Protein backbone atom coordinates (compact mmCIF):
# COMPACT_ATOMS: atom_id res chain seq x y z
CA MET A 1 -0.19 -95.80 -144.86
CA LYS A 2 2.74 -93.83 -146.93
CA PRO A 3 5.68 -95.82 -148.26
CA THR A 4 8.95 -95.79 -146.32
CA ARG A 5 11.35 -93.35 -146.98
CA PRO A 6 14.97 -94.45 -146.94
CA ALA A 7 15.90 -91.25 -145.02
CA VAL A 8 13.76 -92.57 -142.23
CA LEU A 9 15.58 -95.52 -142.42
CA ALA A 10 19.24 -94.19 -142.53
CA ALA A 11 18.28 -91.59 -139.28
CA LEU A 12 17.32 -94.78 -137.49
CA LEU A 13 20.35 -96.57 -138.55
CA VAL A 14 22.33 -93.53 -137.20
CA VAL A 15 20.83 -92.79 -133.94
CA ALA A 16 20.80 -96.75 -133.01
CA ALA A 17 24.45 -96.95 -133.65
CA ALA A 18 25.18 -93.66 -131.86
CA VAL A 19 23.44 -94.34 -128.82
CA THR A 20 24.88 -97.74 -128.62
CA TRP A 21 28.79 -96.99 -128.90
CA ALA A 22 27.92 -94.22 -126.44
CA VAL A 23 26.19 -96.55 -124.02
CA LEU A 24 29.18 -98.90 -124.36
CA ARG A 25 31.49 -96.20 -124.06
CA VAL A 26 30.03 -95.30 -120.67
CA LEU A 27 29.70 -98.70 -119.37
CA ASP A 28 33.30 -99.84 -120.64
CA SER A 29 34.63 -96.73 -118.85
CA ARG A 30 32.82 -97.81 -115.61
CA ALA A 31 33.44 -101.64 -115.70
CA SER A 32 35.90 -102.73 -118.68
CA LEU A 33 32.99 -104.03 -120.14
CA GLN A 34 33.51 -105.98 -123.33
CA PRO A 35 30.41 -107.10 -125.12
CA GLY A 36 30.02 -110.52 -126.97
CA VAL A 37 28.02 -110.92 -130.10
CA PRO A 38 26.69 -114.45 -130.69
CA SER A 39 26.84 -116.08 -133.93
CA SER A 40 23.31 -116.78 -133.65
CA ALA A 41 22.72 -113.01 -134.41
CA ALA A 42 22.97 -112.98 -138.04
CA VAL A 43 21.62 -116.46 -138.69
CA ALA A 44 18.37 -115.32 -136.93
CA LEU A 45 18.05 -112.47 -138.90
CA LEU A 46 19.00 -114.28 -142.23
CA LEU A 47 16.28 -116.67 -141.39
CA LEU A 48 13.62 -113.42 -140.83
CA ALA A 49 15.00 -112.03 -144.15
CA VAL A 50 14.09 -115.35 -145.93
CA ALA A 51 10.58 -115.48 -144.55
CA LEU A 52 9.73 -111.68 -145.33
CA ALA A 53 11.58 -112.94 -148.86
CA VAL A 54 9.04 -116.14 -149.56
CA THR A 55 5.98 -114.04 -148.38
CA ALA A 56 6.53 -111.47 -150.74
CA ARG A 57 6.92 -113.38 -153.44
CA GLY A 58 3.74 -115.67 -152.67
CA LEU A 59 2.13 -112.50 -152.28
CA GLN A 60 3.13 -110.53 -155.23
CA ALA A 61 1.79 -113.98 -156.95
CA ARG A 62 -1.38 -113.71 -155.60
CA LEU A 63 -1.63 -110.07 -156.25
CA GLN A 64 -0.98 -110.02 -160.06
CA ARG A 65 -3.82 -113.01 -160.02
CA ARG A 66 -1.34 -115.76 -161.54
CA PRO A 67 -3.13 -118.82 -162.82
CA GLY A 68 -3.28 -120.87 -159.83
CA THR A 69 -3.41 -118.64 -157.13
CA LYS A 70 -5.89 -117.11 -154.81
CA PRO A 71 -7.44 -113.46 -154.71
CA VAL A 72 -5.83 -111.81 -151.74
CA ASN A 73 -8.09 -110.35 -148.75
CA PRO A 74 -7.49 -106.25 -148.77
CA LEU A 75 -7.16 -106.83 -144.88
CA VAL A 76 -4.18 -109.41 -145.69
CA ALA A 77 -2.21 -106.91 -147.56
CA ALA A 78 -2.80 -104.35 -145.61
CA ARG A 79 -1.45 -106.38 -142.85
CA MET A 80 1.58 -107.60 -144.88
CA ALA A 81 2.26 -103.94 -145.70
CA ALA A 82 2.13 -102.97 -142.02
CA LEU A 83 4.86 -106.13 -141.61
CA ALA A 84 7.08 -104.98 -144.04
CA LYS A 85 7.13 -101.20 -142.54
CA ALA A 86 7.65 -102.68 -139.02
CA GLY A 87 10.37 -105.23 -140.44
CA SER A 88 12.32 -102.29 -142.43
CA HIS A 89 12.34 -100.11 -139.17
CA THR A 90 13.29 -102.78 -136.93
CA GLY A 91 16.28 -104.09 -139.36
CA ALA A 92 17.40 -100.31 -139.65
CA LEU A 93 17.64 -100.21 -135.89
CA VAL A 94 19.30 -103.58 -135.45
CA ALA A 95 21.85 -102.65 -138.13
CA GLY A 96 22.57 -99.42 -136.22
CA ALA A 97 22.98 -101.52 -132.77
CA TYR A 98 25.23 -103.95 -134.10
CA THR A 99 26.95 -100.91 -136.03
CA GLY A 100 27.65 -99.24 -132.73
CA VAL A 101 28.65 -102.57 -131.10
CA CYS A 102 31.12 -103.39 -134.05
CA LEU A 103 32.77 -99.40 -133.47
CA PHE A 104 33.22 -100.02 -130.25
CA LEU A 105 35.01 -103.41 -130.75
CA LEU A 106 37.22 -102.48 -133.76
CA PRO A 107 40.00 -100.35 -132.27
CA ALA A 108 40.71 -103.48 -129.72
CA SER A 109 43.53 -105.72 -130.67
CA THR A 110 42.45 -109.03 -128.77
CA ALA A 111 41.49 -111.84 -130.99
CA PHE A 112 38.11 -112.08 -128.82
CA THR A 113 37.52 -108.32 -129.65
CA ARG A 114 37.74 -109.19 -133.45
CA GLY A 115 35.75 -111.82 -133.72
CA ASN A 116 32.85 -110.40 -131.85
CA ALA A 117 33.51 -107.57 -134.22
CA ALA A 118 33.26 -110.00 -137.22
CA ARG A 119 30.28 -111.20 -135.66
CA ALA A 120 28.67 -107.84 -134.99
CA GLY A 121 29.44 -107.25 -138.81
CA PHE A 122 27.92 -109.97 -139.97
CA ALA A 123 24.63 -108.84 -138.06
CA VAL A 124 24.92 -105.67 -139.59
CA LEU A 125 24.78 -106.95 -143.00
CA ALA A 126 21.92 -109.53 -142.31
CA ALA A 127 20.07 -106.85 -140.80
CA LEU A 128 20.55 -104.49 -143.97
CA LEU A 129 19.39 -107.58 -145.73
CA VAL A 130 16.07 -107.62 -143.82
CA VAL A 131 15.75 -103.74 -144.41
CA ALA A 132 15.92 -104.86 -148.57
CA VAL A 133 13.46 -107.70 -148.16
CA ALA A 134 10.86 -105.65 -146.25
CA LEU A 135 11.24 -102.88 -148.61
CA PHE A 136 10.54 -105.33 -150.96
CA LEU A 137 7.53 -106.57 -149.41
CA GLU A 138 6.07 -102.93 -149.05
CA ARG A 139 6.58 -102.42 -152.55
CA VAL A 140 4.81 -105.41 -153.48
CA CYS A 141 1.64 -104.39 -150.98
CA ARG A 142 1.23 -100.73 -152.85
CA VAL A 143 -2.09 -100.11 -154.84
CA PRO A 144 -1.62 -99.94 -158.67
CA ASP A 145 -2.39 -96.59 -160.00
CA LYS A 146 -6.13 -96.89 -161.24
CA PRO A 147 -6.36 -97.11 -164.74
CA PRO A 148 -8.19 -94.65 -167.07
CA ASP A 149 -12.23 -96.17 -167.06
CA ASP A 150 -13.24 -96.48 -170.57
CA ASP A 151 -15.84 -93.57 -169.88
CA ASP A 152 -12.80 -91.32 -169.34
CA VAL A 153 -11.26 -91.96 -172.56
CA ALA A 154 -12.48 -90.00 -175.49
CA PRO A 155 -13.74 -92.21 -178.79
CA ALA A 156 -11.18 -91.55 -181.34
């Protein structure tokens, strides 16, 4: 599996924001829609980021073979790398979706829409934190470069 490229994450965020904004504009033109953003959105994303961070720190200690830790099964490391990649992509899509909601709500001037825009902004920040922690987990799961063998080193 190749490492996640930041350009892919940025593209996912921008496309999700544009699609969300466009869909909300169309729905608003037909039914005067004002979407609500739950407060629990940012909280759930923060909990996901914490879970990924705890997983990454524990796995890092085990991969570095710190005293008192068990070795990691290679299949577990591969699964964690896949989880990290999925987490970064999902975080980018969610951040993009809430960015689209925020951009849609910002021009409105009612207290209801300002509150929803603020909650969407917090959800964007929480989703970006999920992306950052998922990238850290992916980095933890990288296989280190192979050190040179003793046979490859010429005697002095």
